[in-house]
Amino acid sequence: MNLIDSITNKLTGSILRYFKNIEDELVGHLALRINNLKRKILIGIASLFILMIAFLFLSLSLIFLFIEYYHLSKTLSFAIMGLFYLFIVILIRIIK
């Protein structure tokens, strides 16, 4: 019985080491993929934030263009921009 026990212990140990190596490779691969995904999400959020700031400044510049160049009231200028954005959102919803 001692011989059979030692053989089974060696086989079990080698099988466990084999699965442990596979596990280490899978965990390393998954960690790499997760880190790449985190980086892509972070870059996407940062670019979206910068795009929103640029959109805000362009909107304000259009509003002030209406006020100063076309001599419209502030209320009417903001209403025009609001309707413009509403129209864009409706178009996006229809296309989507």
PDB file of N, CA and C in Angstrom:
ATOM      1  N   MET A   1       0.799  -1.195   0.000  1.00  0.00           N
ATOM      2  CA  MET A   1       0.000   0.000   0.000  1.00  0.00           C
ATOM      3  C   MET A   1       0.845   1.263   0.000  1.00  0.00           C
ATOM      4  N   ASN A   2       1.984   1.203   0.594  1.00  0.00           N
ATOM      5  CA  ASN A   2       2.842   2.365   0.682  1.00  0.00           C
ATOM      6  C   ASN A   2       3.298   2.814  -0.699  1.00  0.00           C
ATOM      7  N   LEU A   3       3.567   1.886  -1.593  1.00  0.00           N
ATOM      8  CA  LEU A   3       3.993   2.201  -2.953  1.00  0.00           C
ATOM      9  C   LEU A   3       2.864   2.882  -3.726  1.00  0.00           C
ATOM     10  N   ILE A   4       1.663   2.381  -3.579  1.00  0.00           N
ATOM     11  CA  ILE A   4       0.507   2.965  -4.275  1.00  0.00           C
ATOM     12  C   ILE A   4       0.232   4.370  -3.739  1.00  0.00           C
ATOM     13  N   ASP A   5       0.370   4.541  -2.427  1.00  0.00           N
ATOM     14  CA  ASP A   5       0.159   5.872  -1.839  1.00  0.00           C
ATOM     15  C   ASP A   5       1.193   6.882  -2.338  1.00  0.00           C
ATOM     16  N   SER A   6       2.430   6.477  -2.443  1.00  0.00           N
ATOM     17  CA  SER A   6       3.472   7.404  -2.912  1.00  0.00           C
ATOM     18  C   SER A   6       3.251   7.745  -4.391  1.00  0.00           C
ATOM     19  N   ILE A   7       2.827   6.780  -5.201  1.00  0.00           N
ATOM     20  CA  ILE A   7       2.553   7.041  -6.616  1.00  0.00           C
ATOM     21  C   ILE A   7       1.371   8.000  -6.747  1.00  0.00           C
ATOM     22  N   THR A   8       0.315   7.767  -5.997  1.00  0.00           N
ATOM     23  CA  THR A   8      -0.849   8.652  -6.070  1.00  0.00           C
ATOM     24  C   THR A   8      -0.501  10.048  -5.556  1.00  0.00           C
ATOM     25  N   ASN A   9       0.341  10.131  -4.531  1.00  0.00           N
ATOM     26  CA  ASN A   9       0.757  11.444  -4.033  1.00  0.00           C
ATOM     27  C   ASN A   9       1.565  12.201  -5.082  1.00  0.00           C
ATOM     28  N   LYS A  10       2.483  11.496  -5.768  1.00  0.00           N
ATOM     29  CA  LYS A  10       3.289  12.149  -6.812  1.00  0.00           C
ATOM     30  C   LYS A  10       2.410  12.570  -7.982  1.00  0.00           C
ATOM     31  N   LEU A  11       1.477  11.722  -8.403  1.00  0.00           N
ATOM     32  CA  LEU A  11       0.579  12.058  -9.500  1.00  0.00           C
ATOM     33  C   LEU A  11      -0.326  13.244  -9.117  1.00  0.00           C
ATOM     34  N   THR A  12      -0.828  13.188  -7.915  1.00  0.00           N
ATOM     35  CA  THR A  12      -1.685  14.274  -7.449  1.00  0.00           C
ATOM     36  C   THR A  12      -0.907  15.580  -7.391  1.00  0.00           C
ATOM     37  N   GLY A  13       0.312  15.523  -6.915  1.00  0.00           N
ATOM     38  CA  GLY A  13       1.151  16.722  -6.839  1.00  0.00           C
ATOM     39  C   GLY A  13       1.455  17.287  -8.215  1.00  0.00           C
ATOM     40  N   SER A  14       1.773  16.413  -9.178  1.00  0.00           N
ATOM     41  CA  SER A  14       2.088  16.900 -10.519  1.00  0.00           C
ATOM     42  C   SER A  14       0.841  17.461 -11.201  1.00  0.00           C
ATOM     43  N   ILE A  15      -0.298  16.846 -10.980  1.00  0.00           N
ATOM     44  CA  ILE A  15      -1.541  17.350 -11.557  1.00  0.00           C
ATOM     45  C   ILE A  15      -1.894  18.702 -10.936  1.00  0.00           C
ATOM     46  N   LEU A  16      -1.723  18.819  -9.625  1.00  0.00           N
ATOM     47  CA  LEU A  16      -2.013  20.084  -8.959  1.00  0.00           C
ATOM     48  C   LEU A  16      -1.076  21.198  -9.442  1.00  0.00           C
ATOM     49  N   ARG A  17       0.216  20.864  -9.636  1.00  0.00           N
ATOM     50  CA  ARG A  17       1.167  21.855 -10.150  1.00  0.00           C
ATOM     51  C   ARG A  17       0.782  22.283 -11.570  1.00  0.00           C
ATOM     52  N   TYR A  18       0.336  21.314 -12.395  1.00  0.00           N
ATOM     53  CA  TYR A  18      -0.089  21.615 -13.762  1.00  0.00           C
ATOM     54  C   TYR A  18      -1.281  22.578 -13.752  1.00  0.00           C
ATOM     55  N   PHE A  19      -2.273  22.286 -12.918  1.00  0.00           N
ATOM     56  CA  PHE A  19      -3.435  23.163 -12.839  1.00  0.00           C
ATOM     57  C   PHE A  19      -3.088  24.517 -12.215  1.00  0.00           C
ATOM     58  N   LYS A  20      -2.132  24.516 -11.294  1.00  0.00           N
ATOM     59  CA  LYS A  20      -1.700  25.770 -10.697  1.00  0.00           C
ATOM     60  C   LYS A  20      -1.020  26.652 -11.742  1.00  0.00           C
ATOM     61  N   ASN A  21      -0.213  26.065 -12.624  1.00  0.00           N
ATOM     62  CA  ASN A  21       0.423  26.833 -13.696  1.00  0.00           C
ATOM     63  C   ASN A  21      -0.633  27.389 -14.656  1.00  0.00           C
ATOM     64  N   ILE A  22      -1.631  26.574 -14.985  1.00  0.00           N
ATOM     65  CA  ILE A  22      -2.708  27.047 -15.851  1.00  0.00           C
ATOM     66  C   ILE A  22      -3.460  28.188 -15.172  1.00  0.00           C
ATOM     67  N   GLU A  23      -3.717  28.032 -13.887  1.00  0.00           N
ATOM     68  CA  GLU A  23      -4.414  29.080 -13.141  1.00  0.00           C
ATOM     69  C   GLU A  23      -3.603  30.373 -13.133  1.00  0.00           C
ATOM     70  N   ASP A  24      -2.293  30.274 -12.910  1.00  0.00           N
ATOM     71  CA  ASP A  24      -1.448  31.465 -12.906  1.00  0.00           C
ATOM     72  C   ASP A  24      -1.458  32.169 -14.257  1.00  0.00           C
ATOM     73  N   GLU A  25      -1.413  31.391 -15.343  1.00  0.00           N
ATOM     74  CA  GLU A  25      -1.455  31.986 -16.678  1.00  0.00           C
ATOM     75  C   GLU A  25      -2.798  32.670 -16.926  1.00  0.00           C
ATOM     76  N   LEU A  26      -3.890  32.015 -16.540  1.00  0.00           N
ATOM     77  CA  LEU A  26      -5.214  32.604 -16.734  1.00  0.00           C
ATOM     78  C   LEU A  26      -5.388  33.875 -15.917  1.00  0.00           C
ATOM     79  N   VAL A  27      -4.955  33.852 -14.674  1.00  0.00           N
ATOM     80  CA  VAL A  27      -5.079  35.030 -13.813  1.00  0.00           C
ATOM     81  C   VAL A  27      -4.236  36.174 -14.366  1.00  0.00           C
ATOM     82  N   GLY A  28      -3.027  35.875 -14.826  1.00  0.00           N
ATOM     83  CA  GLY A  28      -2.183  36.917 -15.418  1.00  0.00           C
ATOM     84  C   GLY A  28      -2.802  37.503 -16.672  1.00  0.00           C
ATOM     85  N   HIS A  29      -3.355  36.641 -17.512  1.00  0.00           N
ATOM     86  CA  HIS A  29      -4.002  37.101 -18.742  1.00  0.00           C
ATOM     87  C   HIS A  29      -5.234  37.942 -18.424  1.00  0.00           C
ATOM     88  N   LEU A  30      -6.037  37.495 -17.481  1.00  0.00           N
ATOM     89  CA  LEU A  30      -7.224  38.252 -17.094  1.00  0.00           C
ATOM     90  C   LEU A  30      -6.853  39.594 -16.464  1.00  0.00           C
ATOM     91  N   ALA A  31      -5.822  39.618 -15.653  1.00  0.00           N
ATOM     92  CA  ALA A  31      -5.388  40.875 -15.041  1.00  0.00           C
ATOM     93  C   ALA A  31      -4.920  41.862 -16.107  1.00  0.00           C
ATOM     94  N   LEU A  32      -4.212  41.360 -17.116  1.00  0.00           N
ATOM     95  CA  LEU A  32      -3.767  42.217 -18.207  1.00  0.00           C
ATOM     96  C   LEU A  32      -4.958  42.772 -18.979  1.00  0.00           C
ATOM     97  N   ARG A  33      -5.937  41.922 -19.275  1.00  0.00           N
ATOM     98  CA  ARG A  33      -7.129  42.374 -20.012  1.00  0.00           C
ATOM     99  C   ARG A  33      -7.928  43.383 -19.188  1.00  0.00           C
ATOM    100  N   ILE A  34      -8.052  43.146 -17.885  1.00  0.00           N
ATOM    101  CA  ILE A  34      -8.785  44.070 -17.018  1.00  0.00           C
ATOM    102  C   ILE A  34      -8.080  45.420 -16.957  1.00  0.00           C
ATOM    103  N   ASN A  35      -6.759  45.420 -16.858  1.00  0.00           N
ATOM    104  CA  ASN A  35      -6.014  46.683 -16.819  1.00  0.00           C
ATOM    105  C   ASN A  35      -6.156  47.447 -18.133  1.00  0.00           C
ATOM    106  N   ASN A  36      -6.127  46.736 -19.265  1.00  0.00           N
ATOM    107  CA  ASN A  36      -6.336  47.399 -20.551  1.00  0.00           C
ATOM    108  C   ASN A  36      -7.736  47.986 -20.639  1.00  0.00           C
ATOM    109  N   LEU A  37      -8.720  47.255 -20.141  1.00  0.00           N
ATOM    110  CA  LEU A  37     -10.095  47.740 -20.158  1.00  0.00           C
ATOM    111  C   LEU A  37     -10.252  48.966 -19.261  1.00  0.00           C
ATOM    112  N   LYS A  38      -9.621  48.954 -18.089  1.00  0.00           N
ATOM    113  CA  LYS A  38      -9.662  50.112 -17.193  1.00  0.00           C
ATOM    114  C   LYS A  38      -9.060  51.340 -17.869  1.00  0.00           C
ATOM    115  N   ARG A  39      -7.930  51.138 -18.549  1.00  0.00           N
ATOM    116  CA  ARG A  39      -7.262  52.246 -19.226  1.00  0.00           C
ATOM    117  C   ARG A  39      -8.150  52.812 -20.336  1.00  0.00           C
ATOM    118  N   LYS A  40      -8.782  51.940 -21.115  1.00  0.00           N
ATOM    119  CA  LYS A  40      -9.662  52.405 -22.187  1.00  0.00           C
ATOM    120  C   LYS A  40     -10.861  53.155 -21.626  1.00  0.00           C
ATOM    121  N   ILE A  41     -11.431  52.666 -20.537  1.00  0.00           N
ATOM    122  CA  ILE A  41     -12.572  53.344 -19.919  1.00  0.00           C
ATOM    123  C   ILE A  41     -12.151  54.705 -19.382  1.00  0.00           C
ATOM    124  N   LEU A  42     -11.002  54.782 -18.741  1.00  0.00           N
ATOM    125  CA  LEU A  42     -10.509  56.045 -18.195  1.00  0.00           C
ATOM    126  C   LEU A  42     -10.244  57.062 -19.312  1.00  0.00           C
ATOM    127  N   ILE A  43      -9.638  56.613 -20.402  1.00  0.00           N
ATOM    128  CA  ILE A  43      -9.386  57.502 -21.537  1.00  0.00           C
ATOM    129  C   ILE A  43     -10.709  57.959 -22.147  1.00  0.00           C
ATOM    130  N   GLY A  44     -11.676  57.056 -22.235  1.00  0.00           N
ATOM    131  CA  GLY A  44     -12.984  57.416 -22.767  1.00  0.00           C
ATOM    132  C   GLY A  44     -13.697  58.437 -21.911  1.00  0.00           C
ATOM    133  N   ILE A  45     -13.647  58.265 -20.602  1.00  0.00           N
ATOM    134  CA  ILE A  45     -14.288  59.213 -19.693  1.00  0.00           C
ATOM    135  C   ILE A  45     -13.594  60.572 -19.763  1.00  0.00           C
ATOM    136  N   ALA A  46     -12.269  60.577 -19.802  1.00  0.00           N
ATOM    137  CA  ALA A  46     -11.537  61.844 -19.878  1.00  0.00           C
ATOM    138  C   ALA A  46     -11.837  62.570 -21.182  1.00  0.00           C
ATOM    139  N   SER A  47     -11.857  61.839 -22.295  1.00  0.00           N
ATOM    140  CA  SER A  47     -12.144  62.499 -23.571  1.00  0.00           C
ATOM    141  C   SER A  47     -13.583  62.999 -23.620  1.00  0.00           C
ATOM    142  N   LEU A  48     -14.512  62.262 -23.034  1.00  0.00           N
ATOM    143  CA  LEU A  48     -15.900  62.719 -22.980  1.00  0.00           C
ATOM    144  C   LEU A  48     -16.032  63.980 -22.142  1.00  0.00           C
ATOM    145  N   PHE A  49     -15.313  64.043 -21.032  1.00  0.00           N
ATOM    146  CA  PHE A  49     -15.336  65.221 -20.170  1.00  0.00           C
ATOM    147  C   PHE A  49     -14.790  66.443 -20.910  1.00  0.00           C
ATOM    148  N   ILE A  50     -13.684  66.276 -21.606  1.00  0.00           N
ATOM    149  CA  ILE A  50     -13.099  67.384 -22.371  1.00  0.00           C
ATOM    150  C   ILE A  50     -14.036  67.800 -23.500  1.00  0.00           C
ATOM    151  N   LEU A  51     -14.677  66.825 -24.134  1.00  0.00           N
ATOM    152  CA  LEU A  51     -15.638  67.135 -25.185  1.00  0.00           C
ATOM    153  C   LEU A  51     -16.823  67.912 -24.640  1.00  0.00           C
ATOM    154  N   MET A  52     -17.294  67.577 -23.455  1.00  0.00           N
ATOM    155  CA  MET A  52     -18.401  68.306 -22.841  1.00  0.00           C
ATOM    156  C   MET A  52     -18.007  69.739 -22.510  1.00  0.00           C
ATOM    157  N   ILE A  53     -16.789  69.939 -22.034  1.00  0.00           N
ATOM    158  CA  ILE A  53     -16.318  71.295 -21.737  1.00  0.00           C
ATOM    159  C   ILE A  53     -16.230  72.108 -23.019  1.00  0.00           C
ATOM    160  N   ALA A  54     -15.709  71.510 -24.081  1.00  0.00           N
ATOM    161  CA  ALA A  54     -15.624  72.216 -25.363  1.00  0.00           C
ATOM    162  C   ALA A  54     -17.025  72.552 -25.875  1.00  0.00           C
ATOM    163  N   PHE A  55     -17.952  71.624 -25.744  1.00  0.00           N
ATOM    164  CA  PHE A  55     -19.329  71.850 -26.165  1.00  0.00           C
ATOM    165  C   PHE A  55     -19.959  72.987 -25.371  1.00  0.00           C
ATOM    166  N   LEU A  56     -19.676  73.054 -24.077  1.00  0.00           N
ATOM    167  CA  LEU A  56     -20.186  74.129 -23.235  1.00  0.00           C
ATOM    168  C   LEU A  56     -19.665  75.485 -23.696  1.00  0.00           C
ATOM    169  N   PHE A  57     -18.353  75.574 -23.954  1.00  0.00           N
ATOM    170  CA  PHE A  57     -17.783  76.847 -24.386  1.00  0.00           C
ATOM    171  C   PHE A  57     -18.298  77.259 -25.759  1.00  0.00           C
ATOM    172  N   LEU A  58     -18.458  76.297 -26.661  1.00  0.00           N
ATOM    173  CA  LEU A  58     -19.007  76.638 -27.971  1.00  0.00           C
ATOM    174  C   LEU A  58     -20.456  77.096 -27.862  1.00  0.00           C
ATOM    175  N   SER A  59     -21.202  76.488 -26.977  1.00  0.00           N
ATOM    176  CA  SER A  59     -22.587  76.904 -26.770  1.00  0.00           C
ATOM    177  C   SER A  59     -22.654  78.320 -26.218  1.00  0.00           C
ATOM    178  N   LEU A  60     -21.826  78.598 -25.239  1.00  0.00           N
ATOM    179  CA  LEU A  60     -21.801  79.947 -24.673  1.00  0.00           C
ATOM    180  C   LEU A  60     -21.358  80.978 -25.712  1.00  0.00           C
ATOM    181  N   SER A  61     -20.415  80.598 -26.557  1.00  0.00           N
ATOM    182  CA  SER A  61     -19.983  81.547 -27.587  1.00  0.00           C
ATOM    183  C   SER A  61     -21.103  81.817 -28.579  1.00  0.00           C
ATOM    184  N   LEU A  62     -21.897  80.807 -28.926  1.00  0.00           N
ATOM    185  CA  LEU A  62     -23.039  81.030 -29.807  1.00  0.00           C
ATOM    186  C   LEU A  62     -24.092  81.914 -29.149  1.00  0.00           C
ATOM    187  N   ILE A  63     -24.316  81.697 -27.871  1.00  0.00           N
ATOM    188  CA  ILE A  63     -25.283  82.533 -27.155  1.00  0.00           C
ATOM    189  C   ILE A  63     -24.834  83.983 -27.149  1.00  0.00           C
ATOM    190  N   PHE A  64     -23.560  84.224 -26.856  1.00  0.00           N
ATOM    191  CA  PHE A  64     -23.057  85.597 -26.852  1.00  0.00           C
ATOM    192  C   PHE A  64     -23.002  86.188 -28.258  1.00  0.00           C
ATOM    193  N   LEU A  65     -22.842  85.333 -29.275  1.00  0.00           N
ATOM    194  CA  LEU A  65     -22.928  85.820 -30.643  1.00  0.00           C
ATOM    195  C   LEU A  65     -24.329  86.325 -30.941  1.00  0.00           C
ATOM    196  N   PHE A  66     -25.333  85.565 -30.506  1.00  0.00           N
ATOM    197  CA  PHE A  66     -26.718  86.020 -30.688  1.00  0.00           C
ATOM    198  C   PHE A  66     -26.978  87.329 -29.953  1.00  0.00           C
ATOM    199  N   ILE A  67     -26.422  87.446 -28.769  1.00  0.00           N
ATOM    200  CA  ILE A  67     -26.667  88.639 -27.958  1.00  0.00           C
ATOM    201  C   ILE A  67     -25.973  89.858 -28.553  1.00  0.00           C
ATOM    202  N   GLU A  68     -24.688  89.723 -28.885  1.00  0.00           N
ATOM    203  CA  GLU A  68     -23.921  90.888 -29.303  1.00  0.00           C
ATOM    204  C   GLU A  68     -24.064  91.203 -30.788  1.00  0.00           C
ATOM    205  N   TYR A  69     -24.051  90.207 -31.628  1.00  0.00           N
ATOM    206  CA  TYR A  69     -24.052  90.472 -33.063  1.00  0.00           C
ATOM    207  C   TYR A  69     -25.463  90.664 -33.617  1.00  0.00           C
ATOM    208  N   TYR A  70     -26.382  89.798 -33.190  1.00  0.00           N
ATOM    209  CA  TYR A  70     -27.749  89.894 -33.689  1.00  0.00           C
ATOM    210  C   TYR A  70     -28.648  90.745 -32.790  1.00  0.00           C
ATOM    211  N   HIS A  71     -28.135  91.214 -31.664  1.00  0.00           N
ATOM    212  CA  HIS A  71     -28.847  92.076 -30.717  1.00  0.00           C
ATOM    213  C   HIS A  71     -30.147  91.440 -30.230  1.00  0.00           C
ATOM    214  N   LEU A  72     -30.075  90.140 -29.941  1.00  0.00           N
ATOM    215  CA  LEU A  72     -31.225  89.445 -29.365  1.00  0.00           C
ATOM    216  C   LEU A  72     -31.134  89.516 -27.848  1.00  0.00           C
ATOM    217  N   SER A  73     -32.249  89.323 -27.195  1.00  0.00           N
ATOM    218  CA  SER A  73     -32.216  89.330 -25.734  1.00  0.00           C
ATOM    219  C   SER A  73     -31.565  88.037 -25.243  1.00  0.00           C
ATOM    220  N   LYS A  74     -31.134  88.059 -23.989  1.00  0.00           N
ATOM    221  CA  LYS A  74     -30.511  86.869 -23.407  1.00  0.00           C
ATOM    222  C   LYS A  74     -31.500  85.717 -23.346  1.00  0.00           C
ATOM    223  N   THR A  75     -32.723  86.014 -23.010  1.00  0.00           N
ATOM    224  CA  THR A  75     -33.750  84.983 -22.918  1.00  0.00           C
ATOM    225  C   THR A  75     -33.965  84.310 -24.255  1.00  0.00           C
ATOM    226  N   LEU A  76     -34.075  85.093 -25.283  1.00  0.00           N
ATOM    227  CA  LEU A  76     -34.299  84.540 -26.614  1.00  0.00           C
ATOM    228  C   LEU A  76     -33.073  83.761 -27.095  1.00  0.00           C
ATOM    229  N   SER A  77     -31.896  84.234 -26.774  1.00  0.00           N
ATOM    230  CA  SER A  77     -30.672  83.530 -27.169  1.00  0.00           C
ATOM    231  C   SER A  77     -30.592  82.156 -26.515  1.00  0.00           C
ATOM    232  N   PHE A  78     -30.863  82.108 -25.212  1.00  0.00           N
ATOM    233  CA  PHE A  78     -30.844  80.820 -24.525  1.00  0.00           C
ATOM    234  C   PHE A  78     -31.964  79.909 -25.024  1.00  0.00           C
ATOM    235  N   ALA A  79     -33.111  80.470 -25.351  1.00  0.00           N
ATOM    236  CA  ALA A  79     -34.222  79.679 -25.872  1.00  0.00           C
ATOM    237  C   ALA A  79     -33.865  79.082 -27.231  1.00  0.00           C
ATOM    238  N   ILE A  80     -33.215  79.857 -28.077  1.00  0.00           N
ATOM    239  CA  ILE A  80     -32.801  79.347 -29.388  1.00  0.00           C
ATOM    240  C   ILE A  80     -31.823  78.193 -29.223  1.00  0.00           C
ATOM    241  N   MET A  81     -30.857  78.350 -28.332  1.00  0.00           N
ATOM    242  CA  MET A  81     -29.879  77.266 -28.113  1.00  0.00           C
ATOM    243  C   MET A  81     -30.566  76.039 -27.511  1.00  0.00           C
ATOM    244  N   GLY A  82     -31.491  76.246 -26.601  1.00  0.00           N
ATOM    245  CA  GLY A  82     -32.217  75.121 -26.019  1.00  0.00           C
ATOM    246  C   GLY A  82     -33.025  74.378 -27.060  1.00  0.00           C
ATOM    247  N   LEU A  83     -33.690  75.112 -27.936  1.00  0.00           N
ATOM    248  CA  LEU A  83     -34.454  74.466 -29.007  1.00  0.00           C
ATOM    249  C   LEU A  83     -33.536  73.749 -29.988  1.00  0.00           C
ATOM    250  N   PHE A  84     -32.383  74.330 -30.250  1.00  0.00           N
ATOM    251  CA  PHE A  84     -31.411  73.687 -31.130  1.00  0.00           C
ATOM    252  C   PHE A  84     -30.954  72.346 -30.548  1.00  0.00           C
ATOM    253  N   TYR A  85     -30.643  72.331 -29.249  1.00  0.00           N
ATOM    254  CA  TYR A  85     -30.220  71.079 -28.615  1.00  0.00           C
ATOM    255  C   TYR A  85     -31.358  70.078 -28.541  1.00  0.00           C
ATOM    256  N   LEU A  86     -32.553  70.549 -28.300  1.00  0.00           N
ATOM    257  CA  LEU A  86     -33.714  69.665 -28.285  1.00  0.00           C
ATOM    258  C   LEU A  86     -33.912  69.026 -29.654  1.00  0.00           C
ATOM    259  N   PHE A  87     -33.746  69.804 -30.705  1.00  0.00           N
ATOM    260  CA  PHE A  87     -33.860  69.291 -32.061  1.00  0.00           C
ATOM    261  C   PHE A  87     -32.796  68.227 -32.340  1.00  0.00           C
ATOM    262  N   ILE A  88     -31.569  68.471 -31.889  1.00  0.00           N
ATOM    263  CA  ILE A  88     -30.483  67.495 -32.077  1.00  0.00           C
ATOM    264  C   ILE A  88     -30.794  66.197 -31.343  1.00  0.00           C
ATOM    265  N   VAL A  89     -31.275  66.299 -30.106  1.00  0.00           N
ATOM    266  CA  VAL A  89     -31.597  65.100 -29.324  1.00  0.00           C
ATOM    267  C   VAL A  89     -32.725  64.317 -29.985  1.00  0.00           C
ATOM    268  N   ILE A  90     -33.728  65.015 -30.489  1.00  0.00           N
ATOM    269  CA  ILE A  90     -34.830  64.328 -31.165  1.00  0.00           C
ATOM    270  C   ILE A  90     -34.320  63.623 -32.415  1.00  0.00           C
ATOM    271  N   LEU A  91     -33.438  64.257 -33.172  1.00  0.00           N
ATOM    272  CA  LEU A  91     -32.857  63.610 -34.341  1.00  0.00           C
ATOM    273  C   LEU A  91     -32.046  62.375 -33.964  1.00  0.00           C
ATOM    274  N   ILE A  92     -31.291  62.476 -32.905  1.00  0.00           N
ATOM    275  CA  ILE A  92     -30.499  61.323 -32.450  1.00  0.00           C
ATOM    276  C   ILE A  92     -31.413  60.174 -32.043  1.00  0.00           C
ATOM    277  N   ARG A  93     -32.488  60.487 -31.340  1.00  0.00           N
ATOM    278  CA  ARG A  93     -33.442  59.452 -30.910  1.00  0.00           C
ATOM    279  C   ARG A  93     -34.130  58.797 -32.106  1.00  0.00           C
ATOM    280  N   ILE A  94     -34.428  59.595 -33.138  1.00  0.00           N
ATOM    281  CA  ILE A  94     -35.082  59.033 -34.322  1.00  0.00           C
ATOM    282  C   ILE A  94     -34.116  58.137 -35.086  1.00  0.00           C
ATOM    283  N   ILE A  95     -32.880  58.589 -35.249  1.00  0.00           N
ATOM    284  CA  ILE A  95     -31.877  57.818 -35.985  1.00  0.00           C
ATOM    285  C   ILE A  95     -31.531  56.537 -35.232  1.00  0.00           C
ATOM    286  N   LYS A  96     -31.455  56.615 -33.940  1.00  0.00           N
ATOM    287  CA  LYS A  96     -31.089  55.453 -33.117  1.00  0.00           C
ATOM    288  C   LYS A  96     -32.201  54.477 -33.173  1.00  0.00           C
TER     289      LYS A  96
END
